[in-house]
Amino acid sequence: MVNLSSPDMARPDSKSDTRVIPFPARADVNGMEEVAAGVGDDAKRRGGEIRIDLQGVQFFEPYGIAFLALVCRKLASQGVKPTVLLPLTDTPQAFYLKRMRVPQALRRWANLENYLWSKGRGWESSSRVLLELTPFQRAVEIERIVVGRVYQILKTQLHYGPADLSAFANIVAELCENVQDHSHETESGFVAAQTYRSKFGITKGKSCVLLAAVDLGIGIRASLGERYAVSSWTHEVALENAILRNYSRSGNRGLGFETVRRICSKHHGHLQVRSGDARLDIHQNRISTVTGPSFAGTQVAIKLWE
């Protein structure tokens, strides 16, 4: 078991009433553990300014982008609307955030600083190789926007067959519908995806998809508590029961992770699920757990290869 807590992540600014949460150089699953620690410190505070600094980020994964949206919404819901310091104009990072429509998604919950990017390069149009940061709440949004786009990405970029396409589309719908049906959320969750082509090692030349689906709901332990006595469970135990032992909220509808595991294994993928203060990582036949700072809801990252 690895502990990734980093309680010093949120640092004071030169102004005594301002706190800065710097995003790490790589905004991926591990990097967001550091951010969660910084947010945990600030979640207990009232008043003052909170600044989220993105200018040190060199690479954004879909999970990091979706987690950023969660952080802004979490802080805003506690009465502290953060200021997001965006990457410098005309940098690759700025272009990518714009292409993923991050500023549009953040405006409701955050003030944006350095949003002076020029238009152009076709960023406004949709793409078959990515799913922009997309809020979802109603079932019609999940079906029309999320499942349809992810289905096309897997079909055209990873060349999956009909059975896997249908199964995985259902899983994406289930992960998103957790927000509406089971997480007790009144606001939307977020989903994002991106296709990459490997340039190194045994996967050189192959394509992969990174998918993130995140929410700020009640989390897996509380969700399973609708059926099981979970008072003695840690978040780690709840994750293991849901993912490794296929525990479900009801007798006929589970959390969908068993099928996710099967597809990830078949396509040499990687499944990472975070809830509470625990994260379960499954990479082919290797399973590990990570403990870190507590954070609301459930966050899922999936990597699949063609």
Protein backbone atom coordinates (compact mmCIF):
# COMPACT_ATOMS: atom_id res chain seq x y z
CA MET A 1 0.00 0.00 0.00
CA VAL A 2 1.24 3.44 -0.95
CA ASN A 3 0.37 6.71 0.79
CA LEU A 4 0.29 9.70 -1.52
CA SER A 5 -0.96 12.32 0.92
CA SER A 6 0.82 15.64 0.62
CA PRO A 7 -0.53 17.99 3.29
CA ASP A 8 1.80 20.83 2.28
CA MET A 9 0.45 21.01 -1.26
CA ALA A 10 -1.63 24.15 -0.66
CA ARG A 11 0.87 26.90 0.03
CA PRO A 12 0.28 30.44 1.32
CA ASP A 13 0.69 33.27 -1.16
CA SER A 14 2.43 36.53 -0.37
CA LYS A 15 -0.95 37.81 0.78
CA SER A 16 -1.84 36.29 4.13
CA ASP A 17 -5.46 35.67 3.13
CA THR A 18 -4.63 33.97 -0.19
CA ARG A 19 -3.90 30.28 -0.67
CA VAL A 20 -2.35 28.81 -3.81
CA ILE A 21 -3.03 25.27 -4.99
CA PRO A 22 -0.39 24.51 -7.63
CA PHE A 23 -1.10 21.75 -10.13
CA PRO A 24 1.90 19.42 -10.66
CA ALA A 25 3.86 19.13 -13.90
CA ARG A 26 1.80 16.12 -14.95
CA ALA A 27 -1.94 16.47 -14.33
CA ASP A 28 -2.72 12.75 -14.15
CA VAL A 29 -4.13 10.38 -11.53
CA ASN A 30 -1.07 10.49 -9.26
CA GLY A 31 -0.72 14.24 -9.61
CA MET A 32 -4.31 14.80 -8.55
CA GLU A 33 -3.59 13.07 -5.23
CA GLU A 34 -1.36 16.05 -4.44
CA VAL A 35 -4.09 18.47 -5.49
CA ALA A 36 -6.67 16.66 -3.35
CA ALA A 37 -4.41 17.16 -0.34
CA GLY A 38 -4.25 20.90 -1.01
CA VAL A 39 -8.00 21.14 -1.48
CA GLY A 40 -8.52 19.23 1.75
CA ASP A 41 -6.66 21.95 3.63
CA ASP A 42 -8.66 24.72 2.00
CA ALA A 43 -12.02 23.00 2.35
CA LYS A 44 -11.92 23.71 6.10
CA ARG A 45 -11.41 27.43 5.58
CA ARG A 46 -13.99 30.17 5.07
CA GLY A 47 -13.19 33.46 3.44
CA GLY A 48 -9.98 34.53 1.75
CA GLU A 49 -8.93 33.88 -1.82
CA ILE A 50 -7.96 30.54 -3.32
CA ARG A 51 -5.86 30.46 -6.48
CA ILE A 52 -5.39 27.33 -8.57
CA ASP A 53 -2.16 27.66 -10.53
CA LEU A 54 -1.98 25.71 -13.81
CA GLN A 55 1.10 27.42 -15.23
CA GLY A 56 3.50 24.72 -14.09
CA VAL A 57 1.61 21.92 -15.85
CA GLN A 58 3.46 20.36 -18.76
CA PHE A 59 0.93 17.65 -19.63
CA PHE A 60 -2.82 17.34 -19.02
CA GLU A 61 -4.55 13.99 -19.03
CA PRO A 62 -8.38 13.81 -19.21
CA TYR A 63 -8.47 12.79 -15.54
CA GLY A 64 -6.55 15.90 -14.51
CA ILE A 65 -8.91 18.13 -16.49
CA ALA A 66 -12.02 16.49 -15.03
CA PHE A 67 -10.56 16.65 -11.52
CA LEU A 68 -9.86 20.36 -11.97
CA ALA A 69 -13.55 20.92 -12.67
CA LEU A 70 -14.46 18.96 -9.53
CA VAL A 71 -12.07 21.01 -7.41
CA CYS A 72 -13.56 24.29 -8.63
CA ARG A 73 -17.10 23.11 -8.03
CA LYS A 74 -16.24 21.72 -4.58
CA LEU A 75 -14.67 25.00 -3.45
CA ALA A 76 -17.44 27.13 -4.94
CA SER A 77 -20.07 25.03 -3.15
CA GLN A 78 -18.33 25.91 0.13
CA GLY A 79 -18.60 29.62 -0.58
CA VAL A 80 -15.05 30.19 -1.88
CA LYS A 81 -15.06 30.73 -5.64
CA PRO A 82 -11.47 30.04 -6.71
CA THR A 83 -9.41 31.91 -9.26
CA VAL A 84 -7.81 29.65 -11.87
CA LEU A 85 -4.51 30.90 -13.28
CA LEU A 86 -4.60 29.44 -16.79
CA PRO A 87 -1.50 28.50 -18.84
CA LEU A 88 0.20 31.26 -20.78
CA THR A 89 -1.29 32.30 -24.10
CA ASP A 90 -0.26 30.30 -27.19
CA THR A 91 1.43 27.51 -25.21
CA PRO A 92 0.52 23.90 -26.09
CA GLN A 93 -1.13 23.58 -22.69
CA ALA A 94 -3.33 26.62 -23.32
CA PHE A 95 -4.35 25.31 -26.73
CA TYR A 96 -5.21 21.89 -25.32
CA LEU A 97 -7.37 23.28 -22.50
CA LYS A 98 -9.17 25.44 -25.01
CA ARG A 99 -9.62 22.49 -27.37
CA MET A 100 -11.07 20.48 -24.47
CA ARG A 101 -13.43 23.39 -23.69
CA VAL A 102 -12.18 23.69 -20.14
CA PRO A 103 -12.72 27.47 -19.74
CA GLN A 104 -16.36 27.13 -20.73
CA ALA A 105 -16.90 24.42 -18.13
CA LEU A 106 -15.08 26.29 -15.35
CA ARG A 107 -16.74 29.70 -15.69
CA ARG A 108 -19.68 28.73 -13.50
CA TRP A 109 -17.51 27.82 -10.51
CA ALA A 110 -14.29 29.81 -10.94
CA ASN A 111 -12.82 33.13 -11.99
CA LEU A 112 -10.41 32.72 -14.90
CA GLU A 113 -7.15 34.62 -15.06
CA ASN A 114 -5.03 34.93 -18.21
CA TYR A 115 -7.90 33.93 -20.48
CA LEU A 116 -6.58 35.89 -23.44
CA TRP A 117 -6.17 33.05 -25.91
CA SER A 118 -6.72 33.68 -29.57
CA LYS A 119 -9.21 31.71 -31.64
CA GLY A 120 -8.36 29.55 -34.59
CA ARG A 121 -6.88 26.16 -35.48
CA GLY A 122 -10.37 24.66 -35.58
CA TRP A 123 -10.67 24.14 -31.83
CA GLU A 124 -14.39 24.90 -31.83
CA SER A 125 -15.35 21.82 -33.85
CA SER A 126 -15.88 18.38 -32.36
CA SER A 127 -13.38 15.58 -32.94
CA ARG A 128 -13.48 11.82 -33.30
CA VAL A 129 -10.30 11.44 -31.27
CA LEU A 130 -11.41 13.12 -28.07
CA LEU A 131 -14.38 13.88 -25.89
CA GLU A 132 -14.17 17.41 -24.54
CA LEU A 133 -14.72 18.06 -20.84
CA THR A 134 -18.44 17.38 -20.68
CA PRO A 135 -20.79 17.87 -17.73
CA PHE A 136 -23.57 15.33 -17.47
CA GLN A 137 -26.59 14.83 -15.27
CA ARG A 138 -29.66 13.69 -17.15
CA ALA A 139 -29.90 10.29 -18.83
CA VAL A 140 -30.52 11.89 -22.23
CA GLU A 141 -27.21 13.76 -21.95
CA ILE A 142 -25.36 10.56 -21.12
CA GLU A 143 -26.85 8.68 -24.05
CA ARG A 144 -26.54 11.40 -26.67
CA ILE A 145 -23.26 13.08 -25.78
CA VAL A 146 -21.18 10.69 -23.75
CA VAL A 147 -21.94 7.14 -24.84
CA GLY A 148 -22.23 7.98 -28.53
CA ARG A 149 -18.91 9.80 -28.65
CA VAL A 150 -17.00 7.20 -26.64
CA TYR A 151 -18.46 4.46 -28.84
CA GLN A 152 -17.14 6.21 -31.96
CA ILE A 153 -13.68 6.72 -30.42
CA LEU A 154 -13.34 3.03 -29.55
CA LYS A 155 -14.64 1.98 -32.95
CA THR A 156 -12.59 4.28 -35.16
CA GLN A 157 -9.40 4.65 -33.13
CA LEU A 158 -9.03 1.30 -31.31
CA HIS A 159 -10.96 -0.83 -33.81
CA TYR A 160 -12.94 -2.71 -31.15
CA GLY A 161 -15.43 -5.36 -32.23
CA PRO A 162 -19.21 -5.09 -31.74
CA ALA A 163 -19.33 -7.08 -28.48
CA ASP A 164 -16.69 -4.97 -26.71
CA LEU A 165 -18.12 -1.76 -28.14
CA SER A 166 -21.57 -2.55 -26.79
CA ALA A 167 -20.26 -3.71 -23.41
CA PHE A 168 -18.01 -0.72 -22.87
CA ALA A 169 -20.64 1.78 -24.01
CA ASN A 170 -22.94 0.31 -21.38
CA ILE A 171 -20.21 0.65 -18.76
CA VAL A 172 -19.64 4.32 -19.57
CA ALA A 173 -23.37 4.89 -19.27
CA GLU A 174 -23.39 3.09 -15.91
CA LEU A 175 -20.47 5.08 -14.56
CA CYS A 176 -22.16 8.32 -15.55
CA GLU A 177 -25.61 7.27 -14.37
CA ASN A 178 -24.17 6.68 -10.90
CA VAL A 179 -24.27 10.46 -10.54
CA GLN A 180 -27.95 10.69 -11.36
CA ASP A 181 -29.26 7.50 -9.76
CA HIS A 182 -26.99 6.63 -6.86
CA SER A 183 -24.60 9.38 -5.83
CA HIS A 184 -27.26 11.74 -4.45
CA GLU A 185 -25.77 14.48 -6.62
CA THR A 186 -27.81 17.58 -7.44
CA GLU A 187 -25.13 18.88 -9.81
CA SER A 188 -23.46 17.35 -12.82
CA GLY A 189 -20.48 15.07 -12.96
CA PHE A 190 -17.82 15.34 -15.65
CA VAL A 191 -16.43 13.04 -18.32
CA ALA A 192 -13.51 13.53 -20.73
CA ALA A 193 -11.53 11.31 -23.10
CA GLN A 194 -8.52 11.55 -25.39
CA THR A 195 -6.81 9.28 -27.90
CA TYR A 196 -3.02 9.04 -27.95
CA ARG A 197 -0.52 7.21 -30.15
CA SER A 198 2.46 5.64 -28.41
CA LYS A 199 5.93 6.62 -29.61
CA PHE A 200 8.02 4.34 -27.40
CA GLY A 201 8.60 0.75 -26.32
CA ILE A 202 6.55 -2.32 -27.20
CA THR A 203 3.43 -0.20 -27.72
CA LYS A 204 5.10 2.08 -30.30
CA GLY A 205 2.65 2.95 -33.06
CA LYS A 206 -0.40 1.71 -31.16
CA SER A 207 -3.28 3.91 -30.11
CA CYS A 208 -4.82 4.14 -26.66
CA VAL A 209 -7.77 5.95 -25.13
CA LEU A 210 -7.74 7.62 -21.72
CA LEU A 211 -11.19 8.11 -20.23
CA ALA A 212 -12.16 9.86 -17.00
CA ALA A 213 -15.59 9.94 -15.33
CA VAL A 214 -15.82 11.81 -12.01
CA ASP A 215 -18.40 13.08 -9.53
CA LEU A 216 -18.73 14.62 -6.07
CA GLY A 217 -21.43 12.27 -4.84
CA ILE A 218 -21.68 10.03 -1.78
CA GLY A 219 -18.94 7.63 -2.90
CA ILE A 220 -18.80 3.86 -3.25
CA ARG A 221 -18.90 2.96 0.46
CA ALA A 222 -22.08 4.96 1.08
CA SER A 223 -23.60 3.67 -2.16
CA LEU A 224 -23.03 0.06 -1.12
CA GLY A 225 -24.42 1.01 2.29
CA GLU A 226 -27.86 1.00 0.68
CA ARG A 227 -27.62 -2.80 0.71
CA TYR A 228 -24.79 -3.82 3.08
CA ALA A 229 -23.75 -3.00 6.64
CA VAL A 230 -20.68 -0.87 5.84
CA SER A 231 -20.04 0.92 9.13
CA SER A 232 -16.89 -1.12 9.77
CA TRP A 233 -15.59 -0.85 6.19
CA THR A 234 -12.78 1.44 5.21
CA HIS A 235 -12.99 3.08 1.78
CA GLU A 236 -10.33 0.62 0.64
CA VAL A 237 -12.48 -2.34 1.66
CA ALA A 238 -15.48 -0.82 -0.11
CA LEU A 239 -13.47 -0.42 -3.32
CA GLU A 240 -12.20 -3.99 -3.13
CA ASN A 241 -15.72 -5.32 -2.55
CA ALA A 242 -17.18 -3.33 -5.43
CA ILE A 243 -14.43 -4.00 -7.95
CA LEU A 244 -12.84 -7.32 -7.00
CA ARG A 245 -15.82 -9.08 -5.42
CA ASN A 246 -18.58 -7.54 -7.53
CA TYR A 247 -20.68 -6.28 -4.64
CA SER A 248 -23.64 -4.29 -5.92
CA ARG A 249 -26.20 -1.83 -4.63
CA SER A 250 -29.01 -4.16 -5.61
CA GLY A 251 -29.42 -7.77 -6.60
CA ASN A 252 -29.78 -7.08 -10.32
CA ARG A 253 -27.64 -4.00 -10.99
CA GLY A 254 -24.02 -3.62 -9.98
CA LEU A 255 -21.50 -0.84 -10.32
CA GLY A 256 -20.32 -2.17 -13.66
CA PHE A 257 -16.70 -2.69 -12.65
CA GLU A 258 -16.59 -6.41 -13.38
CA THR A 259 -17.14 -5.79 -17.09
CA VAL A 260 -14.70 -2.88 -17.02
CA ARG A 261 -12.08 -5.20 -15.53
CA ARG A 262 -12.70 -7.83 -18.20
CA ILE A 263 -12.38 -5.37 -21.08
CA CYS A 264 -9.32 -3.72 -19.55
CA SER A 265 -7.64 -7.11 -19.15
CA LYS A 266 -8.47 -8.14 -22.71
CA HIS A 267 -7.02 -4.93 -24.14
CA HIS A 268 -4.03 -4.61 -21.77
CA GLY A 269 -5.70 -1.69 -20.08
CA HIS A 270 -5.48 0.08 -16.74
CA LEU A 271 -8.39 0.76 -14.37
CA GLN A 272 -8.08 3.22 -11.48
CA VAL A 273 -10.99 3.95 -9.15
CA ARG A 274 -10.86 6.49 -6.32
CA SER A 275 -13.40 7.00 -3.54
CA GLY A 276 -13.01 8.57 -0.11
CA ASP A 277 -9.35 8.28 0.88
CA ALA A 278 -8.53 5.18 -1.17
CA ARG A 279 -7.68 4.27 -4.75
CA LEU A 280 -7.59 0.84 -6.36
CA ASP A 281 -5.34 0.33 -9.39
CA ILE A 282 -5.69 -2.67 -11.70
CA HIS A 283 -3.16 -3.04 -14.49
CA GLN A 284 -3.58 -6.36 -16.27
CA ASN A 285 -3.15 -8.88 -13.42
CA ARG A 286 -1.49 -6.48 -10.98
CA ILE A 287 -3.67 -5.00 -8.24
CA SER A 288 -2.55 -2.32 -5.80
CA THR A 289 -4.15 0.09 -3.36
CA VAL A 290 -3.20 3.67 -2.61
CA THR A 291 -4.26 5.75 0.39
CA GLY A 292 -4.32 9.51 0.27
CA PRO A 293 -6.33 12.54 1.32
CA SER A 294 -10.09 12.19 1.60
CA PHE A 295 -12.06 13.60 -1.32
CA ALA A 296 -15.78 13.46 -2.01
CA GLY A 297 -17.41 11.29 -4.63
CA THR A 298 -15.99 8.70 -7.00
CA GLN A 299 -13.38 9.25 -9.70
CA VAL A 300 -12.61 6.69 -12.41
CA ALA A 301 -9.74 6.60 -14.91
CA ILE A 302 -9.57 3.98 -17.67
CA LYS A 303 -6.82 3.36 -20.21
CA LEU A 304 -7.46 1.04 -23.14
CA TRP A 305 -5.19 -0.07 -26.00
CA GLU A 306 -6.14 -1.10 -29.51
